C-alpha atoms as a PDB file:
ATOM      1  CA  UNK A   1     -91.359 -74.554  58.846  1.00  0.00           C
ATOM      2  CA  UNK A   2     -87.639 -74.436  58.068  1.00  0.00           C
ATOM      3  CA  UNK A   3     -87.197 -77.907  59.565  1.00  0.00           C
ATOM      4  CA  UNK A   4     -89.962 -79.274  57.334  1.00  0.00           C
ATOM      5  CA  UNK A   5     -88.384 -77.812  54.202  1.00  0.00           C
ATOM      6  CA  UNK A   6     -85.001 -79.202  55.199  1.00  0.00           C
ATOM      7  CA  UNK A   7     -86.468 -82.671  55.716  1.00  0.00           C
ATOM      8  CA  UNK A   8     -88.239 -82.527  52.351  1.00  0.00           C
ATOM      9  CA  UNK A   9     -85.084 -81.444  50.526  1.00  0.00           C
ATOM     10  CA  UNK A  10     -83.143 -84.196  52.292  1.00  0.00           C
ATOM     11  CA  UNK A  11     -85.746 -86.746  51.209  1.00  0.00           C
ATOM     12  CA  UNK A  12     -85.616 -85.562  47.605  1.00  0.00           C
ATOM     13  CA  UNK A  13     -81.819 -85.646  47.572  1.00  0.00           C
ATOM     14  CA  UNK A  14     -81.876 -89.194  48.979  1.00  0.00           C
ATOM     15  CA  UNK A  15     -84.323 -90.247  46.254  1.00  0.00           C
ATOM     16  CA  UNK A  16     -82.175 -88.693  43.512  1.00  0.00           C
ATOM     17  CA  UNK A  17     -79.063 -90.380  44.878  1.00  0.00           C
ATOM     18  CA  UNK A  18     -80.930 -93.700  44.977  1.00  0.00           C
ATOM     19  CA  UNK A  19     -81.868 -93.314  41.306  1.00  0.00           C
ATOM     20  CA  UNK A  20     -78.353 -92.302  40.251  1.00  0.00           C
ATOM     21  CA  UNK A  21     -76.802 -95.171  42.203  1.00  0.00           C
END
């Protein structure tokens, strides 16, 4: 479960970075 949460957070962070950049 921890791995799933980590992947989700990573995905969200990548999306946010994409929007900011």
